[in-house]
């Protein structure tokens, strides 16, 4: 199966107290090893993006979330992805924001070898495609605007 054609959902996890983003480093046992990424993955048949992401976060980092914990934060379709230069990635990508007031400590599964909380200016350059696309379409800046607003992300 060509995963570049399968829809996916990713969490942009931001700690409001330290103003940092959580990313995982892909392990040697998975596709695209040693790249950093937002946690998430492919949407299985019959799943909606939010439920797929809740499943992925449970599997990848051991975090159980209610559906309302994840704020829909944008998406991009295959045509739009092609427009920004990723010709072979013909799928829908869904991004969700998860705000936390403390840096959680994930329980990583085999897909990631490590995790790290990054300041916005220190985000890694070696990232997987869905993370690169999120950075390219300005989602980090959008998170910072929402997180710093008096109303927060859920108002």
N, C-alpha and C. Protein backbone atom coordinates (compact mmCIF):
# COMPACT_ATOMS: atom_id res chain seq x y z
N UNK A 1 0.84 -1.18 0.00
CA UNK A 1 0.00 0.00 0.00
C UNK A 1 0.88 1.24 0.00
N UNK A 2 0.48 2.21 -0.78
CA UNK A 2 1.20 3.48 -0.82
C UNK A 2 0.62 4.39 0.25
N UNK A 3 1.37 4.58 1.34
CA UNK A 3 0.87 5.40 2.44
C UNK A 3 0.73 6.86 2.05
N UNK A 4 1.39 7.29 0.98
CA UNK A 4 1.26 8.69 0.56
C UNK A 4 -0.13 9.00 0.04
N UNK A 5 -0.95 7.97 -0.20
CA UNK A 5 -2.31 8.20 -0.68
C UNK A 5 -3.36 7.97 0.39
N UNK A 6 -2.95 7.65 1.61
CA UNK A 6 -3.89 7.35 2.68
C UNK A 6 -4.05 8.57 3.58
N UNK A 7 -5.30 8.95 3.84
CA UNK A 7 -5.56 10.13 4.69
C UNK A 7 -4.97 9.92 6.08
N UNK A 8 -4.61 11.03 6.71
CA UNK A 8 -4.01 10.94 8.04
C UNK A 8 -4.44 12.07 8.95
N UNK A 9 -4.18 11.88 10.24
CA UNK A 9 -4.51 12.88 11.26
C UNK A 9 -3.33 13.00 12.22
N UNK A 10 -2.98 14.24 12.57
CA UNK A 10 -1.82 14.50 13.43
C UNK A 10 -2.18 15.50 14.51
N UNK A 11 -1.53 15.34 15.67
CA UNK A 11 -1.73 16.23 16.80
C UNK A 11 -0.57 17.20 16.91
N UNK A 12 -0.90 18.46 16.99
CA UNK A 12 0.08 19.47 17.34
C UNK A 12 -0.11 19.70 18.83
N UNK A 13 0.82 19.17 19.62
CA UNK A 13 0.71 19.21 21.08
C UNK A 13 1.57 20.35 21.59
N UNK A 14 0.93 21.30 22.28
CA UNK A 14 1.60 22.51 22.73
C UNK A 14 1.41 22.69 24.23
N UNK A 15 2.52 22.91 24.93
CA UNK A 15 2.48 23.17 26.37
C UNK A 15 2.46 24.68 26.58
N UNK A 16 1.39 25.16 27.18
CA UNK A 16 1.23 26.61 27.36
C UNK A 16 2.16 27.18 28.42
N UNK A 17 2.54 26.39 29.42
CA UNK A 17 3.40 26.92 30.48
C UNK A 17 4.86 27.06 30.06
N UNK A 18 5.32 26.17 29.18
CA UNK A 18 6.72 26.24 28.73
C UNK A 18 6.85 26.75 27.30
N UNK A 19 5.69 26.91 26.64
CA UNK A 19 5.64 27.38 25.25
C UNK A 19 6.47 26.49 24.33
N UNK A 20 6.24 25.18 24.46
CA UNK A 20 6.98 24.20 23.68
C UNK A 20 6.03 23.23 22.98
N UNK A 21 6.56 22.61 21.91
CA UNK A 21 5.83 21.64 21.10
C UNK A 21 6.43 20.25 21.31
N UNK A 22 5.57 19.23 21.37
CA UNK A 22 6.03 17.86 21.53
C UNK A 22 6.15 17.18 20.18
N UNK A 23 7.33 16.63 19.91
CA UNK A 23 7.56 15.83 18.71
C UNK A 23 8.25 14.53 19.10
N UNK A 24 8.07 13.52 18.25
CA UNK A 24 8.73 12.24 18.45
C UNK A 24 9.71 11.98 17.33
N UNK A 25 10.76 11.23 17.63
CA UNK A 25 11.75 10.84 16.62
C UNK A 25 11.45 9.41 16.20
N UNK A 26 11.26 9.22 14.90
CA UNK A 26 10.89 7.92 14.37
C UNK A 26 12.02 6.91 14.56
N UNK A 27 11.66 5.72 14.99
CA UNK A 27 12.67 4.70 15.30
C UNK A 27 13.18 4.04 14.02
N UNK A 28 14.26 3.29 14.16
CA UNK A 28 14.89 2.61 13.02
C UNK A 28 14.00 1.52 12.45
N UNK A 29 12.99 1.07 13.18
CA UNK A 29 12.15 -0.04 12.73
C UNK A 29 10.96 0.39 11.88
N UNK A 30 10.81 1.68 11.62
CA UNK A 30 9.66 2.15 10.85
C UNK A 30 10.11 2.90 9.60
N UNK A 31 9.16 3.14 8.71
CA UNK A 31 9.41 3.90 7.50
C UNK A 31 9.88 5.31 7.86
N UNK A 32 10.81 5.84 7.11
CA UNK A 32 11.36 7.19 7.34
C UNK A 32 11.97 7.33 8.74
N UNK A 33 12.92 6.46 9.09
CA UNK A 33 13.52 6.52 10.43
C UNK A 33 14.31 7.80 10.66
N UNK A 34 14.47 8.13 11.93
CA UNK A 34 15.28 9.27 12.39
C UNK A 34 14.72 10.64 12.02
N UNK A 35 13.50 10.68 11.52
CA UNK A 35 12.85 11.97 11.27
C UNK A 35 11.96 12.29 12.47
N UNK A 36 11.87 13.55 12.79
CA UNK A 36 10.98 14.01 13.85
C UNK A 36 9.59 14.21 13.28
N UNK A 37 8.57 14.04 14.10
CA UNK A 37 7.21 14.25 13.63
C UNK A 37 6.25 14.58 14.76
N UNK A 38 5.15 15.23 14.36
CA UNK A 38 4.01 15.34 15.25
C UNK A 38 3.43 13.93 15.35
N UNK A 39 2.86 13.59 16.48
CA UNK A 39 2.30 12.26 16.65
C UNK A 39 0.98 12.15 15.90
N UNK A 40 0.74 10.99 15.33
CA UNK A 40 -0.48 10.74 14.57
C UNK A 40 -0.23 9.68 13.54
N UNK A 41 -1.13 9.59 12.58
CA UNK A 41 -0.95 8.58 11.54
C UNK A 41 -2.15 8.46 10.64
N UNK A 42 -2.25 7.29 10.03
CA UNK A 42 -3.25 7.06 9.00
C UNK A 42 -4.63 6.81 9.58
N UNK A 43 -5.61 7.20 8.81
CA UNK A 43 -7.01 7.00 9.17
C UNK A 43 -7.45 5.67 8.59
N UNK A 44 -7.90 4.77 9.44
CA UNK A 44 -8.36 3.46 8.98
C UNK A 44 -9.76 3.57 8.39
N UNK A 45 -10.13 2.62 7.52
CA UNK A 45 -11.49 2.63 6.96
C UNK A 45 -12.54 2.65 8.07
N UNK A 46 -13.52 3.52 7.91
CA UNK A 46 -14.60 3.64 8.88
C UNK A 46 -14.32 4.60 10.02
N UNK A 47 -13.09 5.11 10.12
CA UNK A 47 -12.75 6.06 11.18
C UNK A 47 -12.92 7.49 10.70
N UNK A 48 -13.27 8.37 11.60
CA UNK A 48 -13.20 9.79 11.28
C UNK A 48 -11.83 10.28 11.76
N UNK A 49 -11.37 11.43 11.28
CA UNK A 49 -10.03 11.90 11.64
C UNK A 49 -9.78 12.03 13.14
N UNK A 50 -10.75 12.55 13.89
CA UNK A 50 -10.56 12.73 15.33
C UNK A 50 -10.40 11.38 16.04
N UNK A 51 -11.25 10.42 15.71
CA UNK A 51 -11.14 9.10 16.34
C UNK A 51 -9.85 8.40 15.94
N UNK A 52 -9.43 8.57 14.70
CA UNK A 52 -8.16 7.99 14.26
C UNK A 52 -7.01 8.56 15.07
N UNK A 53 -7.03 9.85 15.30
CA UNK A 53 -5.95 10.48 16.05
C UNK A 53 -5.98 10.04 17.52
N UNK A 54 -7.15 9.92 18.08
CA UNK A 54 -7.24 9.42 19.46
C UNK A 54 -6.63 8.02 19.55
N UNK A 55 -6.92 7.17 18.57
CA UNK A 55 -6.33 5.82 18.53
C UNK A 55 -4.82 5.89 18.40
N UNK A 56 -4.34 6.71 17.46
CA UNK A 56 -2.89 6.84 17.24
C UNK A 56 -2.17 7.34 18.49
N UNK A 57 -2.74 8.32 19.17
CA UNK A 57 -2.09 8.86 20.37
C UNK A 57 -2.07 7.82 21.49
N UNK A 58 -3.09 7.01 21.58
CA UNK A 58 -3.10 5.93 22.57
C UNK A 58 -2.01 4.92 22.24
N UNK A 59 -1.90 4.54 20.98
CA UNK A 59 -0.90 3.56 20.56
C UNK A 59 0.53 4.10 20.67
N UNK A 60 0.75 5.31 20.18
CA UNK A 60 2.11 5.84 20.04
C UNK A 60 2.68 6.41 21.33
N UNK A 61 1.85 7.07 22.14
CA UNK A 61 2.40 7.74 23.32
C UNK A 61 1.65 7.42 24.61
N UNK A 62 0.67 6.51 24.55
CA UNK A 62 -0.02 6.09 25.75
C UNK A 62 -0.92 7.13 26.36
N UNK A 63 -1.44 8.04 25.56
CA UNK A 63 -2.32 9.09 26.06
C UNK A 63 -3.75 8.79 25.62
N UNK A 64 -4.66 8.72 26.59
CA UNK A 64 -6.08 8.50 26.32
C UNK A 64 -6.79 9.84 26.39
N UNK A 65 -7.49 10.19 25.33
CA UNK A 65 -8.15 11.50 25.26
C UNK A 65 -9.63 11.35 24.97
N UNK A 66 -10.41 12.28 25.48
CA UNK A 66 -11.80 12.40 25.07
C UNK A 66 -11.83 13.12 23.73
N UNK A 67 -12.86 12.90 22.96
CA UNK A 67 -12.95 13.52 21.64
C UNK A 67 -12.84 15.04 21.73
N UNK A 68 -13.40 15.64 22.77
CA UNK A 68 -13.39 17.09 22.92
C UNK A 68 -12.04 17.67 23.28
N UNK A 69 -11.07 16.83 23.65
CA UNK A 69 -9.74 17.33 23.99
C UNK A 69 -8.97 17.81 22.77
N UNK A 70 -9.35 17.31 21.61
CA UNK A 70 -8.65 17.66 20.37
C UNK A 70 -9.45 18.70 19.60
N UNK A 71 -8.83 19.84 19.35
CA UNK A 71 -9.47 20.92 18.62
C UNK A 71 -9.06 20.83 17.15
N UNK A 72 -10.03 20.70 16.26
CA UNK A 72 -9.72 20.67 14.83
C UNK A 72 -8.97 21.94 14.47
N UNK A 73 -7.86 21.77 13.76
CA UNK A 73 -6.97 22.91 13.56
C UNK A 73 -6.55 23.09 12.12
N UNK A 74 -7.29 22.51 11.23
CA UNK A 74 -6.99 22.72 9.83
C UNK A 74 -6.67 21.43 9.11
N UNK A 75 -6.68 21.53 7.83
CA UNK A 75 -6.38 20.39 7.00
C UNK A 75 -5.95 20.86 5.63
N UNK A 76 -5.55 19.89 4.85
CA UNK A 76 -5.09 20.19 3.50
C UNK A 76 -5.38 18.97 2.64
N UNK A 77 -5.83 19.20 1.41
CA UNK A 77 -6.13 18.08 0.54
C UNK A 77 -5.01 17.85 -0.48
N UNK A 78 -5.14 16.80 -1.24
CA UNK A 78 -4.09 16.43 -2.19
C UNK A 78 -3.74 17.52 -3.18
N UNK A 79 -4.74 18.20 -3.72
CA UNK A 79 -4.46 19.27 -4.69
C UNK A 79 -3.68 20.40 -4.04
N UNK A 80 -4.05 20.76 -2.82
CA UNK A 80 -3.33 21.83 -2.11
C UNK A 80 -1.91 21.40 -1.76
N UNK A 81 -1.74 20.12 -1.43
CA UNK A 81 -0.40 19.61 -1.13
C UNK A 81 0.47 19.69 -2.37
N UNK A 82 -0.09 19.35 -3.52
CA UNK A 82 0.67 19.45 -4.77
C UNK A 82 1.07 20.90 -5.03
N UNK A 83 0.19 21.83 -4.71
CA UNK A 83 0.47 23.25 -4.94
C UNK A 83 1.67 23.76 -4.15
N UNK A 84 1.96 23.13 -3.01
CA UNK A 84 3.13 23.59 -2.24
C UNK A 84 4.35 22.71 -2.48
N UNK A 85 4.29 21.85 -3.51
CA UNK A 85 5.48 21.15 -3.95
C UNK A 85 5.62 19.69 -3.55
N UNK A 86 4.61 19.10 -2.96
CA UNK A 86 4.69 17.68 -2.58
C UNK A 86 3.85 16.87 -3.56
N UNK A 87 4.35 16.70 -4.76
CA UNK A 87 3.59 16.13 -5.87
C UNK A 87 3.11 14.72 -5.56
N UNK A 88 3.94 13.91 -4.89
CA UNK A 88 3.58 12.51 -4.68
C UNK A 88 2.68 12.27 -3.47
N UNK A 89 2.36 13.28 -2.71
CA UNK A 89 1.52 13.11 -1.52
C UNK A 89 0.09 13.51 -1.84
N UNK A 90 -0.66 12.58 -2.40
CA UNK A 90 -2.01 12.88 -2.87
C UNK A 90 -3.04 12.38 -1.86
N UNK A 91 -3.10 13.03 -0.72
CA UNK A 91 -4.03 12.61 0.32
C UNK A 91 -4.49 13.79 1.15
N UNK A 92 -5.47 13.52 2.00
CA UNK A 92 -5.94 14.54 2.93
C UNK A 92 -5.17 14.41 4.24
N UNK A 93 -4.78 15.55 4.78
CA UNK A 93 -4.11 15.59 6.08
C UNK A 93 -4.96 16.44 7.02
N UNK A 94 -5.22 15.93 8.20
CA UNK A 94 -6.03 16.62 9.20
C UNK A 94 -5.16 16.89 10.41
N UNK A 95 -5.20 18.13 10.90
CA UNK A 95 -4.39 18.52 12.06
C UNK A 95 -5.31 18.94 13.20
N UNK A 96 -4.92 18.54 14.41
CA UNK A 96 -5.67 18.88 15.61
C UNK A 96 -4.72 19.48 16.62
N UNK A 97 -5.24 20.40 17.41
CA UNK A 97 -4.46 21.04 18.46
C UNK A 97 -4.82 20.41 19.80
N UNK A 98 -3.78 20.08 20.57
CA UNK A 98 -3.96 19.63 21.94
C UNK A 98 -3.13 20.54 22.83
N UNK A 99 -3.81 21.36 23.62
CA UNK A 99 -3.12 22.25 24.56
C UNK A 99 -3.00 21.56 25.91
N UNK A 100 -1.85 21.68 26.53
CA UNK A 100 -1.62 21.14 27.85
C UNK A 100 -0.90 22.20 28.69
N UNK A 101 -1.13 22.18 29.98
CA UNK A 101 -0.46 23.18 30.83
C UNK A 101 0.83 22.65 31.44
N UNK A 102 1.17 21.40 31.12
CA UNK A 102 2.44 20.83 31.58
C UNK A 102 3.00 19.91 30.49
N UNK A 103 4.29 19.71 30.52
CA UNK A 103 4.92 18.83 29.54
C UNK A 103 4.66 17.38 29.95
N UNK A 104 3.82 16.72 29.18
CA UNK A 104 3.53 15.32 29.45
C UNK A 104 4.74 14.46 29.10
N UNK A 105 4.83 13.30 29.72
CA UNK A 105 5.90 12.35 29.43
C UNK A 105 5.28 11.15 28.72
N UNK A 106 5.42 11.09 27.40
CA UNK A 106 4.81 9.99 26.65
C UNK A 106 5.42 8.63 27.00
N UNK A 107 4.60 7.60 26.88
CA UNK A 107 5.08 6.22 26.92
C UNK A 107 5.16 5.77 25.47
N UNK A 108 6.35 5.86 24.91
CA UNK A 108 6.54 5.60 23.49
C UNK A 108 6.40 4.12 23.15
N UNK A 109 5.79 3.84 22.00
CA UNK A 109 5.79 2.47 21.50
C UNK A 109 6.98 2.30 20.56
N UNK A 110 7.00 1.21 19.80
CA UNK A 110 8.14 0.89 18.93
C UNK A 110 8.34 1.89 17.78
N UNK A 111 7.35 2.71 17.49
CA UNK A 111 7.45 3.61 16.34
C UNK A 111 8.38 4.79 16.57
N UNK A 112 8.66 5.11 17.82
CA UNK A 112 9.51 6.27 18.14
C UNK A 112 10.61 5.88 19.11
N UNK A 113 11.79 6.42 18.89
CA UNK A 113 12.93 6.12 19.75
C UNK A 113 13.10 7.15 20.86
N UNK A 114 12.56 8.34 20.66
CA UNK A 114 12.65 9.39 21.68
C UNK A 114 11.61 10.45 21.41
N UNK A 115 11.42 11.31 22.40
CA UNK A 115 10.55 12.47 22.25
C UNK A 115 11.28 13.66 22.82
N UNK A 116 10.81 14.83 22.43
CA UNK A 116 11.41 16.05 22.96
C UNK A 116 10.40 17.18 22.85
N UNK A 117 10.48 18.10 23.81
CA UNK A 117 9.69 19.33 23.78
C UNK A 117 10.58 20.41 23.18
N UNK A 118 10.11 21.05 22.12
CA UNK A 118 10.90 22.05 21.39
C UNK A 118 10.28 23.44 21.51
N UNK A 119 11.12 24.43 21.73
CA UNK A 119 10.69 25.82 21.56
C UNK A 119 10.42 26.06 20.08
N UNK A 120 9.52 26.97 19.73
CA UNK A 120 9.21 27.19 18.31
C UNK A 120 10.45 27.48 17.46
N UNK A 121 11.37 28.27 17.95
CA UNK A 121 12.56 28.62 17.17
C UNK A 121 13.55 27.47 17.07
N UNK A 122 13.36 26.42 17.84
CA UNK A 122 14.30 25.30 17.87
C UNK A 122 13.71 24.02 17.28
N UNK A 123 12.58 24.12 16.58
CA UNK A 123 11.99 22.93 15.98
C UNK A 123 12.99 22.29 15.03
N UNK A 124 13.02 20.95 14.97
CA UNK A 124 14.01 20.28 14.11
C UNK A 124 13.72 20.51 12.63
N UNK A 125 14.77 20.37 11.83
CA UNK A 125 14.63 20.52 10.38
C UNK A 125 14.38 19.18 9.70
N UNK A 126 14.85 18.10 10.31
CA UNK A 126 14.65 16.77 9.75
C UNK A 126 13.32 16.22 10.25
N UNK A 127 12.25 16.49 9.49
CA UNK A 127 10.90 16.08 9.88
C UNK A 127 10.25 15.28 8.77
N UNK A 128 9.24 14.49 9.14
CA UNK A 128 8.52 13.73 8.12
C UNK A 128 7.60 14.67 7.33
N UNK A 129 7.05 14.14 6.26
CA UNK A 129 6.27 14.97 5.34
C UNK A 129 5.05 15.63 5.98
N UNK A 130 4.19 14.91 6.72
CA UNK A 130 3.04 15.61 7.32
C UNK A 130 3.44 16.74 8.26
N UNK A 131 4.55 16.56 8.97
CA UNK A 131 5.04 17.62 9.85
C UNK A 131 5.58 18.78 9.04
N UNK A 132 6.33 18.47 7.97
CA UNK A 132 6.85 19.53 7.10
C UNK A 132 5.72 20.34 6.48
N UNK A 133 4.66 19.66 6.09
CA UNK A 133 3.52 20.36 5.49
C UNK A 133 2.86 21.26 6.54
N UNK A 134 2.69 20.76 7.76
CA UNK A 134 2.12 21.60 8.83
C UNK A 134 2.95 22.85 9.05
N UNK A 135 4.27 22.70 9.05
CA UNK A 135 5.16 23.85 9.22
C UNK A 135 5.03 24.79 8.03
N UNK A 136 4.96 24.21 6.84
CA UNK A 136 4.90 24.99 5.60
C UNK A 136 3.63 25.82 5.49
N UNK A 137 2.51 25.31 6.01
CA UNK A 137 1.25 26.05 5.88
C UNK A 137 0.97 26.95 7.09
N UNK A 138 1.96 27.10 7.97
CA UNK A 138 1.86 28.08 9.04
C UNK A 138 1.11 27.66 10.29
N UNK A 139 1.00 26.36 10.53
CA UNK A 139 0.24 25.94 11.71
C UNK A 139 0.93 26.27 13.03
N UNK A 140 2.25 26.33 13.05
CA UNK A 140 2.95 26.69 14.29
C UNK A 140 2.59 28.13 14.68
N UNK A 141 2.63 29.03 13.71
CA UNK A 141 2.27 30.43 13.98
C UNK A 141 0.82 30.53 14.44
N UNK A 142 -0.04 29.73 13.83
CA UNK A 142 -1.45 29.74 14.21
C UNK A 142 -1.62 29.25 15.66
N UNK A 143 -0.88 28.20 16.04
CA UNK A 143 -0.94 27.71 17.42
C UNK A 143 -0.52 28.81 18.39
N UNK A 144 0.57 29.48 18.07
CA UNK A 144 1.07 30.53 18.96
C UNK A 144 0.07 31.66 19.10
N UNK A 145 -0.59 32.03 18.01
CA UNK A 145 -1.61 33.07 18.07
C UNK A 145 -2.78 32.64 18.95
N UNK A 146 -3.25 31.42 18.76
CA UNK A 146 -4.39 30.91 19.52
C UNK A 146 -4.03 30.75 20.99
N UNK A 147 -2.87 30.16 21.26
CA UNK A 147 -2.47 29.89 22.64
C UNK A 147 -2.22 31.16 23.43
N UNK A 148 -1.79 32.21 22.75
CA UNK A 148 -1.50 33.46 23.44
C UNK A 148 -2.70 34.39 23.52
N UNK A 149 -3.79 34.04 22.83
CA UNK A 149 -4.98 34.90 22.87
C UNK A 149 -5.67 34.74 24.21
N UNK A 150 -6.34 35.78 24.67
CA UNK A 150 -7.02 35.71 25.98
C UNK A 150 -8.12 34.65 26.01
N UNK A 151 -8.72 34.35 24.86
CA UNK A 151 -9.83 33.40 24.82
C UNK A 151 -9.38 31.96 24.70
N UNK A 152 -8.13 31.70 24.29
CA UNK A 152 -7.64 30.34 24.13
C UNK A 152 -8.18 29.69 22.88
N UNK A 153 -7.90 28.41 22.72
CA UNK A 153 -8.21 27.69 21.49
C UNK A 153 -9.65 27.21 21.40
N UNK A 154 -10.35 27.12 22.49
CA UNK A 154 -11.65 26.47 22.45
C UNK A 154 -12.82 27.43 22.52
N UNK A 155 -12.57 28.72 22.44
CA UNK A 155 -13.70 29.65 22.55
C UNK A 155 -14.30 29.93 21.20
